[in-house]
């Protein structure tokens, strides 16, 4: 989606035609945030269970979405992308385990297979 936005003339004009390295940074900071978010997400999942880190992740996603939507400059956009990636780690790490734990034992295999198949689409 970011690549689609970055190709729009309106987006380029609004952010003063950022160069290729800056465009790459805007995209890469999401992945860096996700990578750095895995460590605290794993710790919180082990200490407090699977749901609490997911609530924290939803909070980060809400903050990141508001900052990205209100971005006035490239710095705000980069910060928002980092926060979104960081929050995504709090959702992506515990959710498959939570789905497996909550599924009825006879349905566990099917539910897990469906989760791991359909969340990518």
PDB file of N, CA and C in Angstrom:
ATOM      1  N   UNK A   1       0.821  -1.182   0.000  1.00  0.00           N
ATOM      2  CA  UNK A   1       0.000   0.000   0.000  1.00  0.00           C
ATOM      3  C   UNK A   1       0.876   1.260   0.000  1.00  0.00           C
ATOM      4  N   UNK A   2       1.962   1.232   0.750  1.00  0.00           N
ATOM      5  CA  UNK A   2       2.835   2.406   0.774  1.00  0.00           C
ATOM      6  C   UNK A   2       3.433   2.674  -0.604  1.00  0.00           C
ATOM      7  N   UNK A   3       3.780   1.629  -1.334  1.00  0.00           N
ATOM      8  CA  UNK A   3       4.317   1.846  -2.677  1.00  0.00           C
ATOM      9  C   UNK A   3       3.284   2.505  -3.580  1.00  0.00           C
ATOM     10  N   UNK A   4       2.031   2.111  -3.422  1.00  0.00           N
ATOM     11  CA  UNK A   4       0.966   2.750  -4.189  1.00  0.00           C
ATOM     12  C   UNK A   4       0.813   4.209  -3.829  1.00  0.00           C
ATOM     13  N   UNK A   5       0.879   4.523  -2.534  1.00  0.00           N
ATOM     14  CA  UNK A   5       0.801   5.920  -2.112  1.00  0.00           C
ATOM     15  C   UNK A   5       1.980   6.725  -2.631  1.00  0.00           C
ATOM     16  N   UNK A   6       3.164   6.120  -2.559  1.00  0.00           N
ATOM     17  CA  UNK A   6       4.362   6.842  -2.967  1.00  0.00           C
ATOM     18  C   UNK A   6       4.398   7.120  -4.461  1.00  0.00           C
ATOM     19  N   UNK A   7       3.591   6.424  -5.226  1.00  0.00           N
ATOM     20  CA  UNK A   7       3.563   6.671  -6.668  1.00  0.00           C
ATOM     21  C   UNK A   7       2.577   7.780  -7.058  1.00  0.00           C
ATOM     22  N   UNK A   8       1.748   8.216  -6.128  1.00  0.00           N
ATOM     23  CA  UNK A   8       0.772   9.264  -6.429  1.00  0.00           C
ATOM     24  C   UNK A   8       1.430  10.643  -6.462  1.00  0.00           C
ATOM     25  N   UNK A   9       1.048  11.435  -7.436  1.00  0.00           N
ATOM     26  CA  UNK A   9       1.599  12.785  -7.573  1.00  0.00           C
ATOM     27  C   UNK A   9       1.240  13.647  -6.360  1.00  0.00           C
ATOM     28  N   UNK A  10       0.032  13.495  -5.859  1.00  0.00           N
ATOM     29  CA  UNK A  10      -0.403  14.284  -4.696  1.00  0.00           C
ATOM     30  C   UNK A  10       0.485  13.986  -3.494  1.00  0.00           C
ATOM     31  N   UNK A  11       0.783  12.711  -3.280  1.00  0.00           N
ATOM     32  CA  UNK A  11       1.628  12.313  -2.152  1.00  0.00           C
ATOM     33  C   UNK A  11       3.037  12.875  -2.331  1.00  0.00           C
ATOM     34  N   UNK A  12       3.572  12.748  -3.522  1.00  0.00           N
ATOM     35  CA  UNK A  12       4.919  13.264  -3.796  1.00  0.00           C
ATOM     36  C   UNK A  12       4.982  14.774  -3.577  1.00  0.00           C
ATOM     37  N   UNK A  13       3.976  15.492  -4.068  1.00  0.00           N
ATOM     38  CA  UNK A  13       3.951  16.943  -3.888  1.00  0.00           C
ATOM     39  C   UNK A  13       3.844  17.317  -2.415  1.00  0.00           C
ATOM     40  N   UNK A  14       3.017  16.601  -1.672  1.00  0.00           N
ATOM     41  CA  UNK A  14       2.796  16.915  -0.257  1.00  0.00           C
ATOM     42  C   UNK A  14       4.080  16.736   0.545  1.00  0.00           C
ATOM     43  N   UNK A  15       4.844  15.695   0.240  1.00  0.00           N
ATOM     44  CA  UNK A  15       6.083  15.420   0.963  1.00  0.00           C
ATOM     45  C   UNK A  15       7.328  15.917   0.221  1.00  0.00           C
ATOM     46  N   UNK A  16       7.152  16.813  -0.725  1.00  0.00           N
ATOM     47  CA  UNK A  16       8.235  17.513  -1.420  1.00  0.00           C
ATOM     48  C   UNK A  16       9.170  16.564  -2.171  1.00  0.00           C
ATOM     49  N   UNK A  17       8.600  15.626  -2.875  1.00  0.00           N
ATOM     50  CA  UNK A  17       9.328  14.707  -3.757  1.00  0.00           C
ATOM     51  C   UNK A  17      10.550  14.064  -3.093  1.00  0.00           C
ATOM     52  N   UNK A  18      10.323  13.197  -2.105  1.00  0.00           N
ATOM     53  CA  UNK A  18      11.461  12.540  -1.442  1.00  0.00           C
ATOM     54  C   UNK A  18      12.235  11.650  -2.411  1.00  0.00           C
ATOM     55  N   UNK A  19      13.535  11.571  -2.192  1.00  0.00           N
ATOM     56  CA  UNK A  19      14.417  10.768  -3.041  1.00  0.00           C
ATOM     57  C   UNK A  19      14.276   9.285  -2.723  1.00  0.00           C
ATOM     58  N   UNK A  20      14.915   8.459  -3.531  1.00  0.00           N
ATOM     59  CA  UNK A  20      14.775   7.004  -3.426  1.00  0.00           C
ATOM     60  C   UNK A  20      15.190   6.474  -2.056  1.00  0.00           C
ATOM     61  N   UNK A  21      16.271   6.979  -1.496  1.00  0.00           N
ATOM     62  CA  UNK A  21      16.734   6.488  -0.197  1.00  0.00           C
ATOM     63  C   UNK A  21      15.721   6.794   0.902  1.00  0.00           C
ATOM     64  N   UNK A  22      15.117   7.963   0.838  1.00  0.00           N
ATOM     65  CA  UNK A  22      14.115   8.339   1.837  1.00  0.00           C
ATOM     66  C   UNK A  22      12.843   7.520   1.666  1.00  0.00           C
ATOM     67  N   UNK A  23      12.452   7.256   0.434  1.00  0.00           N
ATOM     68  CA  UNK A  23      11.294   6.400   0.178  1.00  0.00           C
ATOM     69  C   UNK A  23      11.535   4.996   0.724  1.00  0.00           C
ATOM     70  N   UNK A  24      12.741   4.496   0.529  1.00  0.00           N
ATOM     71  CA  UNK A  24      13.084   3.181   1.074  1.00  0.00           C
ATOM     72  C   UNK A  24      13.067   3.173   2.588  1.00  0.00           C
ATOM     73  N   UNK A  25      13.511   4.256   3.199  1.00  0.00           N
ATOM     74  CA  UNK A  25      13.488   4.347   4.657  1.00  0.00           C
ATOM     75  C   UNK A  25      12.067   4.339   5.199  1.00  0.00           C
ATOM     76  N   UNK A  26      11.168   5.013   4.515  1.00  0.00           N
ATOM     77  CA  UNK A  26       9.770   5.043   4.955  1.00  0.00           C
ATOM     78  C   UNK A  26       9.209   3.623   4.973  1.00  0.00           C
ATOM     79  N   UNK A  27       9.526   2.845   3.960  1.00  0.00           N
ATOM     80  CA  UNK A  27       9.047   1.458   3.917  1.00  0.00           C
ATOM     81  C   UNK A  27       9.798   0.568   4.896  1.00  0.00           C
ATOM     82  N   UNK A  28      11.100   0.742   5.031  1.00  0.00           N
ATOM     83  CA  UNK A  28      11.922  -0.155   5.846  1.00  0.00           C
ATOM     84  C   UNK A  28      11.679   0.015   7.334  1.00  0.00           C
ATOM     85  N   UNK A  29      11.321   1.221   7.768  1.00  0.00           N
ATOM     86  CA  UNK A  29      11.119   1.432   9.202  1.00  0.00           C
ATOM     87  C   UNK A  29       9.965   0.615   9.751  1.00  0.00           C
ATOM     88  N   UNK A  30       9.010   0.265   8.924  1.00  0.00           N
ATOM     89  CA  UNK A  30       7.921  -0.620   9.358  1.00  0.00           C
ATOM     90  C   UNK A  30       8.501  -1.982   9.756  1.00  0.00           C
ATOM     91  N   UNK A  31       9.385  -2.510   8.935  1.00  0.00           N
ATOM     92  CA  UNK A  31       9.972  -3.821   9.197  1.00  0.00           C
ATOM     93  C   UNK A  31      10.917  -3.752  10.390  1.00  0.00           C
ATOM     94  N   UNK A  32      11.673  -2.674  10.512  1.00  0.00           N
ATOM     95  CA  UNK A  32      12.559  -2.502  11.663  1.00  0.00           C
ATOM     96  C   UNK A  32      11.740  -2.446  12.953  1.00  0.00           C
ATOM     97  N   UNK A  33      10.640  -1.703  12.933  1.00  0.00           N
ATOM     98  CA  UNK A  33       9.766  -1.642  14.104  1.00  0.00           C
ATOM     99  C   UNK A  33       9.188  -2.997  14.461  1.00  0.00           C
ATOM    100  N   UNK A  34       8.813  -3.753  13.448  1.00  0.00           N
ATOM    101  CA  UNK A  34       8.271  -5.083  13.700  1.00  0.00           C
ATOM    102  C   UNK A  34       9.326  -6.000  14.297  1.00  0.00           C
ATOM    103  N   UNK A  35      10.531  -5.927  13.798  1.00  0.00           N
ATOM    104  CA  UNK A  35      11.618  -6.742  14.321  1.00  0.00           C
ATOM    105  C   UNK A  35      11.928  -6.372  15.768  1.00  0.00           C
ATOM    106  N   UNK A  36      12.021  -5.093  16.068  1.00  0.00           N
ATOM    107  CA  UNK A  36      12.318  -4.659  17.433  1.00  0.00           C
ATOM    108  C   UNK A  36      11.146  -4.905  18.387  1.00  0.00           C
ATOM    109  N   UNK A  37       9.939  -4.951  17.868  1.00  0.00           N
ATOM    110  CA  UNK A  37       8.780  -5.211  18.706  1.00  0.00           C
ATOM    111  C   UNK A  37       8.620  -6.663  19.114  1.00  0.00           C
ATOM    112  N   UNK A  38       9.270  -7.559  18.409  1.00  0.00           N
ATOM    113  CA  UNK A  38       9.139  -8.976  18.742  1.00  0.00           C
ATOM    114  C   UNK A  38       9.688  -9.307  20.120  1.00  0.00           C
ATOM    115  N   UNK A  39      10.748  -8.653  20.538  1.00  0.00           N
ATOM    116  CA  UNK A  39      11.357  -8.961  21.827  1.00  0.00           C
ATOM    117  C   UNK A  39      10.446  -8.611  23.002  1.00  0.00           C
ATOM    118  N   UNK A  40       9.934  -7.381  23.096  1.00  0.00           N
ATOM    119  CA  UNK A  40       9.012  -7.104  24.205  1.00  0.00           C
ATOM    120  C   UNK A  40       7.691  -7.862  24.077  1.00  0.00           C
ATOM    121  N   UNK A  41       7.237  -8.117  22.852  1.00  0.00           N
ATOM    122  CA  UNK A  41       5.989  -8.864  22.677  1.00  0.00           C
ATOM    123  C   UNK A  41       6.128 -10.280  23.204  1.00  0.00           C
ATOM    124  N   UNK A  42       7.260 -10.907  22.951  1.00  0.00           N
ATOM    125  CA  UNK A  42       7.499 -12.253  23.449  1.00  0.00           C
ATOM    126  C   UNK A  42       7.564 -12.263  24.967  1.00  0.00           C
ATOM    127  N   UNK A  43       8.269 -11.296  25.541  1.00  0.00           N
ATOM    128  CA  UNK A  43       8.378 -11.206  26.995  1.00  0.00           C
ATOM    129  C   UNK A  43       7.007 -11.012  27.633  1.00  0.00           C
ATOM    130  N   UNK A  44       6.223 -10.070  27.102  1.00  0.00           N
ATOM    131  CA  UNK A  44       4.901  -9.811  27.671  1.00  0.00           C
ATOM    132  C   UNK A  44       3.967 -11.009  27.508  1.00  0.00           C
ATOM    133  N   UNK A  45       4.075 -11.713  26.380  1.00  0.00           N
ATOM    134  CA  UNK A  45       3.235 -12.896  26.166  1.00  0.00           C
ATOM    135  C   UNK A  45       3.543 -13.979  27.186  1.00  0.00           C
ATOM    136  N   UNK A  46       4.806 -14.177  27.466  1.00  0.00           N
ATOM    137  CA  UNK A  46       5.184 -15.193  28.444  1.00  0.00           C
ATOM    138  C   UNK A  46       4.805 -14.795  29.861  1.00  0.00           C
ATOM    139  N   UNK A  47       4.909 -13.523  30.177  1.00  0.00           N
ATOM    140  CA  UNK A  47       4.657 -13.063  31.541  1.00  0.00           C
ATOM    141  C   UNK A  47       3.169 -12.849  31.850  1.00  0.00           C
ATOM    142  N   UNK A  48       2.415 -12.289  30.884  1.00  0.00           N
ATOM    143  CA  UNK A  48       1.036 -11.893  31.156  1.00  0.00           C
ATOM    144  C   UNK A  48      -0.008 -12.640  30.327  1.00  0.00           C
ATOM    145  N   UNK A  49       0.391 -13.562  29.494  1.00  0.00           N
ATOM    146  CA  UNK A  49      -0.568 -14.264  28.650  1.00  0.00           C
ATOM    147  C   UNK A  49      -0.615 -13.669  27.253  1.00  0.00           C
ATOM    148  N   UNK A  50      -1.498 -14.200  26.437  1.00  0.00           N
ATOM    149  CA  UNK A  50      -1.516 -13.814  25.017  1.00  0.00           C
ATOM    150  C   UNK A  50      -2.360 -12.570  24.734  1.00  0.00           C
ATOM    151  N   UNK A  51      -3.374 -12.330  25.533  1.00  0.00           N
ATOM    152  CA  UNK A  51      -4.294 -11.227  25.223  1.00  0.00           C
ATOM    153  C   UNK A  51      -3.706  -9.853  25.513  1.00  0.00           C
ATOM    154  N   UNK A  52      -3.026  -9.705  26.617  1.00  0.00           N
ATOM    155  CA  UNK A  52      -2.518  -8.388  26.999  1.00  0.00           C
ATOM    156  C   UNK A  52      -1.586  -7.788  25.945  1.00  0.00           C
ATOM    157  N   UNK A  53      -0.614  -8.546  25.401  1.00  0.00           N
ATOM    158  CA  UNK A  53       0.213  -7.951  24.348  1.00  0.00           C
ATOM    159  C   UNK A  53      -0.587  -7.555  23.111  1.00  0.00           C
ATOM    160  N   UNK A  54      -1.660  -8.289  22.840  1.00  0.00           N
ATOM    161  CA  UNK A  54      -2.488  -7.924  21.689  1.00  0.00           C
ATOM    162  C   UNK A  54      -3.195  -6.594  21.936  1.00  0.00           C
ATOM    163  N   UNK A  55      -3.652  -6.354  23.154  1.00  0.00           N
ATOM    164  CA  UNK A  55      -4.252  -5.062  23.471  1.00  0.00           C
ATOM    165  C   UNK A  55      -3.211  -3.941  23.346  1.00  0.00           C
ATOM    166  N   UNK A  56      -1.988  -4.202  23.800  1.00  0.00           N
ATOM    167  CA  UNK A  56      -0.914  -3.220  23.661  1.00  0.00           C
ATOM    168  C   UNK A  56      -0.660  -2.944  22.178  1.00  0.00           C
ATOM    169  N   UNK A  57      -0.639  -4.003  21.375  1.00  0.00           N
ATOM    170  CA  UNK A  57      -0.435  -3.856  19.932  1.00  0.00           C
ATOM    171  C   UNK A  57      -1.527  -3.030  19.275  1.00  0.00           C
ATOM    172  N   UNK A  58      -2.785  -3.257  19.690  1.00  0.00           N
ATOM    173  CA  UNK A  58      -3.880  -2.456  19.143  1.00  0.00           C
ATOM    174  C   UNK A  58      -3.697  -0.984  19.502  1.00  0.00           C
ATOM    175  N   UNK A  59      -3.208  -0.721  20.706  1.00  0.00           N
ATOM    176  CA  UNK A  59      -2.946   0.664  21.106  1.00  0.00           C
ATOM    177  C   UNK A  59      -1.882   1.310  20.236  1.00  0.00           C
ATOM    178  N   UNK A  60      -0.780   0.570  20.000  1.00  0.00           N
ATOM    179  CA  UNK A  60       0.270   1.086  19.122  1.00  0.00           C
ATOM    180  C   UNK A  60      -0.252   1.309  17.709  1.00  0.00           C
ATOM    181  N   UNK A  61      -1.082   0.395  17.211  1.00  0.00           N
ATOM    182  CA  UNK A  61      -1.638   0.564  15.867  1.00  0.00           C
ATOM    183  C   UNK A  61      -2.529   1.794  15.789  1.00  0.00           C
ATOM    184  N   UNK A  62      -3.300   2.037  16.815  1.00  0.00           N
ATOM    185  CA  UNK A  62      -4.161   3.218  16.826  1.00  0.00           C
ATOM    186  C   UNK A  62      -3.317   4.494  16.812  1.00  0.00           C
ATOM    187  N   UNK A  63      -2.289   4.523  17.649  1.00  0.00           N
ATOM    188  CA  UNK A  63      -1.401   5.697  17.690  1.00  0.00           C
ATOM    189  C   UNK A  63      -0.695   5.878  16.345  1.00  0.00           C
ATOM    190  N   UNK A  64      -0.148   4.802  15.806  1.00  0.00           N
ATOM    191  CA  UNK A  64       0.562   4.880  14.527  1.00  0.00           C
ATOM    192  C   UNK A  64      -0.333   5.318  13.388  1.00  0.00           C
ATOM    193  N   UNK A  65      -1.571   4.838  13.395  1.00  0.00           N
ATOM    194  CA  UNK A  65      -2.514   5.221  12.344  1.00  0.00           C
ATOM    195  C   UNK A  65      -2.851   6.699  12.416  1.00  0.00           C
ATOM    196  N   UNK A  66      -3.062   7.202  13.624  1.00  0.00           N
ATOM    197  CA  UNK A  66      -3.380   8.626  13.787  1.00  0.00           C
ATOM    198  C   UNK A  66      -2.194   9.482  13.355  1.00  0.00           C
ATOM    199  N   UNK A  67      -0.987   9.103  13.773  1.00  0.00           N
ATOM    200  CA  UNK A  67       0.199   9.887  13.409  1.00  0.00           C
ATOM    201  C   UNK A  67       0.432   9.829  11.898  1.00  0.00           C
ATOM    202  N   UNK A  68       0.265   8.645  11.301  1.00  0.00           N
ATOM    203  CA  UNK A  68       0.468   8.541   9.850  1.00  0.00           C
ATOM    204  C   UNK A  68      -0.581   9.336   9.092  1.00  0.00           C
ATOM    205  N   UNK A  69      -1.817   9.283   9.539  1.00  0.00           N
ATOM    206  CA  UNK A  69      -2.873  10.044   8.871  1.00  0.00           C
ATOM    207  C   UNK A  69      -2.706  11.541   9.016  1.00  0.00           C
ATOM    208  N   UNK A  70      -2.071  11.960  10.109  1.00  0.00           N
ATOM    209  CA  UNK A  70      -1.880  13.389  10.361  1.00  0.00           C
ATOM    210  C   UNK A  70      -0.483  13.865   9.996  1.00  0.00           C
ATOM    211  N   UNK A  71       0.303  13.032   9.334  1.00  0.00           N
ATOM    212  CA  UNK A  71       1.702  13.358   9.045  1.00  0.00           C
ATOM    213  C   UNK A  71       1.807  14.651   8.238  1.00  0.00           C
ATOM    214  N   UNK A  72       2.579  15.586   8.775  1.00  0.00           N
ATOM    215  CA  UNK A  72       2.810  16.872   8.124  1.00  0.00           C
ATOM    216  C   UNK A  72       4.130  16.906   7.383  1.00  0.00           C
ATOM    217  N   UNK A  73       5.014  15.935   7.692  1.00  0.00           N
ATOM    218  CA  UNK A  73       6.320  15.890   7.043  1.00  0.00           C
ATOM    219  C   UNK A  73       6.801  14.442   7.007  1.00  0.00           C
ATOM    220  N   UNK A  74       7.931  14.226   6.378  1.00  0.00           N
ATOM    221  CA  UNK A  74       8.451  12.871   6.217  1.00  0.00           C
ATOM    222  C   UNK A  74       8.852  12.280   7.560  1.00  0.00           C
ATOM    223  N   UNK A  75       9.347  13.099   8.471  1.00  0.00           N
ATOM    224  CA  UNK A  75       9.725  12.609   9.802  1.00  0.00           C
ATOM    225  C   UNK A  75       8.547  11.984  10.542  1.00  0.00           C
ATOM    226  N   UNK A  76       7.406  12.648  10.477  1.00  0.00           N
ATOM    227  CA  UNK A  76       6.202  12.080  11.109  1.00  0.00           C
ATOM    228  C   UNK A  76       5.791  10.787  10.433  1.00  0.00           C
ATOM    229  N   UNK A  77       5.921  10.722   9.115  1.00  0.00           N
ATOM    230  CA  UNK A  77       5.567   9.508   8.377  1.00  0.00           C
ATOM    231  C   UNK A  77       6.490   8.356   8.770  1.00  0.00           C
ATOM    232  N   UNK A  78       7.775   8.632   8.888  1.00  0.00           N
ATOM    233  CA  UNK A  78       8.731   7.600   9.274  1.00  0.00           C
ATOM    234  C   UNK A  78       8.448   7.122  10.695  1.00  0.00           C
ATOM    235  N   UNK A  79       8.188   8.040  11.618  1.00  0.00           N
ATOM    236  CA  UNK A  79       7.885   7.661  12.995  1.00  0.00           C
ATOM    237  C   UNK A  79       6.610   6.821  13.052  1.00  0.00           C
ATOM    238  N   UNK A  80       5.619   7.208  12.290  1.00  0.00           N
ATOM    239  CA  UNK A  80       4.363   6.461  12.270  1.00  0.00           C
ATOM    240  C   UNK A  80       4.566   5.058  11.733  1.00  0.00           C
ATOM    241  N   UNK A  81       5.380   4.922  10.697  1.00  0.00           N
ATOM    242  CA  UNK A  81       5.645   3.596  10.127  1.00  0.00           C
ATOM    243  C   UNK A  81       6.356   2.709  11.148  1.00  0.00           C
ATOM    244  N   UNK A  82       7.278   3.288  11.917  1.00  0.00           N
ATOM    245  CA  UNK A  82       7.964   2.521  12.958  1.00  0.00           C
ATOM    246  C   UNK A  82       6.977   2.056  14.028  1.00  0.00           C
ATOM    247  N   UNK A  83       6.123   2.966  14.481  1.00  0.00           N
ATOM    248  CA  UNK A  83       5.136   2.625  15.515  1.00  0.00           C
ATOM    249  C   UNK A  83       4.171   1.558  15.000  1.00  0.00           C
ATOM    250  N   UNK A  84       3.759   1.655  13.750  1.00  0.00           N
ATOM    251  CA  UNK A  84       2.874   0.640  13.171  1.00  0.00           C
ATOM    252  C   UNK A  84       3.557  -0.722  13.122  1.00  0.00           C
ATOM    253  N   UNK A  85       4.806  -0.756  12.721  1.00  0.00           N
ATOM    254  CA  UNK A  85       5.537  -2.020  12.704  1.00  0.00           C
ATOM    255  C   UNK A  85       5.713  -2.588  14.098  1.00  0.00           C
ATOM    256  N   UNK A  86       6.042  -1.725  15.049  1.00  0.00           N
ATOM    257  CA  UNK A  86       6.218  -2.151  16.438  1.00  0.00           C
ATOM    258  C   UNK A  86       4.922  -2.753  16.976  1.00  0.00           C
ATOM    259  N   UNK A  87       3.800  -2.095  16.699  1.00  0.00           N
ATOM    260  CA  UNK A  87       2.509  -2.606  17.160  1.00  0.00           C
ATOM    261  C   UNK A  87       2.104  -3.890  16.474  1.00  0.00           C
ATOM    262  N   UNK A  88       2.456  -4.042  15.216  1.00  0.00           N
ATOM    263  CA  UNK A  88       2.122  -5.257  14.485  1.00  0.00           C
ATOM    264  C   UNK A  88       2.797  -6.470  15.103  1.00  0.00           C
ATOM    265  N   UNK A  89       3.999  -6.301  15.634  1.00  0.00           N
ATOM    266  CA  UNK A  89       4.697  -7.408  16.283  1.00  0.00           C
ATOM    267  C   UNK A  89       3.917  -7.910  17.490  1.00  0.00           C
ATOM    268  N   UNK A  90       3.252  -7.007  18.191  1.00  0.00           N
ATOM    269  CA  UNK A  90       2.472  -7.394  19.364  1.00  0.00           C
ATOM    270  C   UNK A  90       1.203  -8.156  18.978  1.00  0.00           C
ATOM    271  N   UNK A  91       0.809  -8.078  17.734  1.00  0.00           N
ATOM    272  CA  UNK A  91      -0.330  -8.850  17.246  1.00  0.00           C
ATOM    273  C   UNK A  91       0.108 -10.141  16.568  1.00  0.00           C
ATOM    274  N   UNK A  92       1.166 -10.062  15.793  1.00  0.00           N
ATOM    275  CA  UNK A  92       1.596 -11.219  15.000  1.00  0.00           C
ATOM    276  C   UNK A  92       2.237 -12.304  15.847  1.00  0.00           C
ATOM    277  N   UNK A  93       2.892 -11.951  16.933  1.00  0.00           N
ATOM    278  CA  UNK A  93       3.591 -12.948  17.731  1.00  0.00           C
ATOM    279  C   UNK A  93       2.633 -13.820  18.555  1.00  0.00           C
ATOM    280  N   UNK A  94       1.714 -13.256  19.344  1.00  0.00           N
ATOM    281  CA  UNK A  94       0.892 -14.127  20.187  1.00  0.00           C
ATOM    282  C   UNK A  94      -0.376 -14.669  19.536  1.00  0.00           C
ATOM    283  N   UNK A  95      -0.829 -14.096  18.436  1.00  0.00           N
ATOM    284  CA  UNK A  95      -2.135 -14.485  17.901  1.00  0.00           C
ATOM    285  C   UNK A  95      -2.215 -15.933  17.414  1.00  0.00           C
ATOM    286  N   UNK A  96      -1.221 -16.510  16.722  1.00  0.00           N
ATOM    287  CA  UNK A  96      -1.366 -17.917  16.326  1.00  0.00           C
ATOM    288  C   UNK A  96      -1.449 -18.851  17.530  1.00  0.00           C
ATOM    289  N   UNK A  97      -0.692 -18.534  18.566  1.00  0.00           N
ATOM    290  CA  UNK A  97      -0.725 -19.369  19.770  1.00  0.00           C
ATOM    291  C   UNK A  97      -2.073 -19.225  20.465  1.00  0.00           C
ATOM    292  N   UNK A  98      -2.605 -18.019  20.506  1.00  0.00           N
ATOM    293  CA  UNK A  98      -3.903 -17.800  21.139  1.00  0.00           C
ATOM    294  C   UNK A  98      -5.007 -18.532  20.391  1.00  0.00           C
ATOM    295  N   UNK A  99      -4.975 -18.509  19.076  1.00  0.00           N
ATOM    296  CA  UNK A  99      -5.960 -19.235  18.281  1.00  0.00           C
ATOM    297  C   UNK A  99      -5.890 -20.732  18.592  1.00  0.00           C
ATOM    298  N   UNK A 100      -4.690 -21.251  18.675  1.00  0.00           N
ATOM    299  CA  UNK A 100      -4.513 -22.669  18.982  1.00  0.00           C
ATOM    300  C   UNK A 100      -4.998 -22.990  20.391  1.00  0.00           C
ATOM    301  N   UNK A 101      -4.734 -22.126  21.345  1.00  0.00           N
ATOM    302  CA  UNK A 101      -5.149 -22.369  22.728  1.00  0.00           C
ATOM    303  C   UNK A 101      -6.663 -22.286  22.902  1.00  0.00           C
ATOM    304  N   UNK A 102      -7.320 -21.407  22.155  1.00  0.00           N
ATOM    305  CA  UNK A 102      -8.754 -21.213  22.341  1.00  0.00           C
ATOM    306  C   UNK A 102      -9.614 -22.178  21.534  1.00  0.00           C
ATOM    307  N   UNK A 103      -9.054 -22.789  20.520  1.00  0.00           N
ATOM    308  CA  UNK A 103      -9.828 -23.707  19.683  1.00  0.00           C
ATOM    309  C   UNK A 103     -10.177 -24.972  20.478  1.00  0.00           C
ATOM    310  N   UNK A 104     -11.355 -25.485  20.220  1.00  0.00           N
ATOM    311  CA  UNK A 104     -11.779 -26.747  20.849  1.00  0.00           C
ATOM    312  C   UNK A 104     -10.811 -27.842  20.390  1.00  0.00           C
ATOM    313  N   UNK A 105     -10.419 -28.750  21.275  1.00  0.00           N
ATOM    314  CA  UNK A 105      -9.379 -29.725  20.931  1.00  0.00           C
ATOM    315  C   UNK A 105      -9.618 -30.508  19.642  1.00  0.00           C
ATOM    316  N   UNK A 106     -10.841 -30.880  19.350  1.00  0.00           N
ATOM    317  CA  UNK A 106     -11.086 -31.637  18.124  1.00  0.00           C
ATOM    318  C   UNK A 106     -11.044 -30.758  16.879  1.00  0.00           C
ATOM    319  N   UNK A 107     -11.166 -29.452  17.060  1.00  0.00           N
ATOM    320  CA  UNK A 107     -11.126 -28.510  15.929  1.00  0.00           C
ATOM    321  C   UNK A 107      -9.787 -27.805  15.791  1.00  0.00           C
ATOM    322  N   UNK A 108      -8.893 -28.033  16.718  1.00  0.00           N
ATOM    323  CA  UNK A 108      -7.642 -27.274  16.797  1.00  0.00           C
ATOM    324  C   UNK A 108      -6.826 -27.330  15.499  1.00  0.00           C
ATOM    325  N   UNK A 109      -6.685 -28.497  14.914  1.00  0.00           N
ATOM    326  CA  UNK A 109      -5.898 -28.636  13.690  1.00  0.00           C
ATOM    327  C   UNK A 109      -6.489 -27.842  12.537  1.00  0.00           C
ATOM    328  N   UNK A 110      -7.813 -27.944  12.371  1.00  0.00           N
ATOM    329  CA  UNK A 110      -8.469 -27.215  11.275  1.00  0.00           C
ATOM    330  C   UNK A 110      -8.420 -25.707  11.476  1.00  0.00           C
ATOM    331  N   UNK A 111      -8.700 -25.281  12.696  1.00  0.00           N
ATOM    332  CA  UNK A 111      -8.705 -23.844  12.979  1.00  0.00           C
ATOM    333  C   UNK A 111      -7.310 -23.255  12.780  1.00  0.00           C
ATOM    334  N   UNK A 112      -6.303 -23.948  13.254  1.00  0.00           N
ATOM    335  CA  UNK A 112      -4.934 -23.473  13.083  1.00  0.00           C
ATOM    336  C   UNK A 112      -4.554 -23.435  11.610  1.00  0.00           C
ATOM    337  N   UNK A 113      -4.942 -24.446  10.855  1.00  0.00           N
ATOM    338  CA  UNK A 113      -4.643 -24.462   9.416  1.00  0.00           C
ATOM    339  C   UNK A 113      -5.356 -23.313   8.706  1.00  0.00           C
ATOM    340  N   UNK A 114      -6.608 -23.051   9.071  1.00  0.00           N
ATOM    341  CA  UNK A 114      -7.335 -21.940   8.459  1.00  0.00           C
ATOM    342  C   UNK A 114      -6.713 -20.597   8.818  1.00  0.00           C
ATOM    343  N   UNK A 115      -6.323 -20.447  10.071  1.00  0.00           N
ATOM    344  CA  UNK A 115      -5.693 -19.188  10.479  1.00  0.00           C
ATOM    345  C   UNK A 115      -4.406 -18.963   9.695  1.00  0.00           C
ATOM    346  N   UNK A 116      -3.581 -19.981   9.627  1.00  0.00           N
ATOM    347  CA  UNK A 116      -2.294 -19.826   8.952  1.00  0.00           C
ATOM    348  C   UNK A 116      -2.438 -19.712   7.431  1.00  0.00           C
ATOM    349  N   UNK A 117      -3.596 -20.069   6.897  1.00  0.00           N
ATOM    350  CA  UNK A 117      -3.817 -19.959   5.469  1.00  0.00           C
ATOM    351  C   UNK A 117      -4.460 -18.618   5.104  1.00  0.00           C
ATOM    352  N   UNK A 118      -5.458 -18.181   5.855  1.00  0.00           N
ATOM    353  CA  UNK A 118      -6.268 -17.048   5.448  1.00  0.00           C
ATOM    354  C   UNK A 118      -5.772 -15.694   5.932  1.00  0.00           C
ATOM    355  N   UNK A 119      -4.891 -15.607   6.897  1.00  0.00           N
ATOM    356  CA  UNK A 119      -4.481 -14.281   7.348  1.00  0.00           C
ATOM    357  C   UNK A 119      -3.576 -13.595   6.344  1.00  0.00           C
ATOM    358  N   UNK A 120      -2.983 -14.346   5.439  1.00  0.00           N
ATOM    359  CA  UNK A 120      -2.092 -13.757   4.441  1.00  0.00           C
ATOM    360  C   UNK A 120      -2.879 -13.136   3.301  1.00  0.00           C
ATOM    361  N   UNK A 121      -4.022 -13.704   2.975  1.00  0.00           N
ATOM    362  CA  UNK A 121      -4.777 -13.219   1.820  1.00  0.00           C
ATOM    363  C   UNK A 121      -5.272 -11.834   2.075  1.00  0.00           C
TER     364      UNK A 121
END
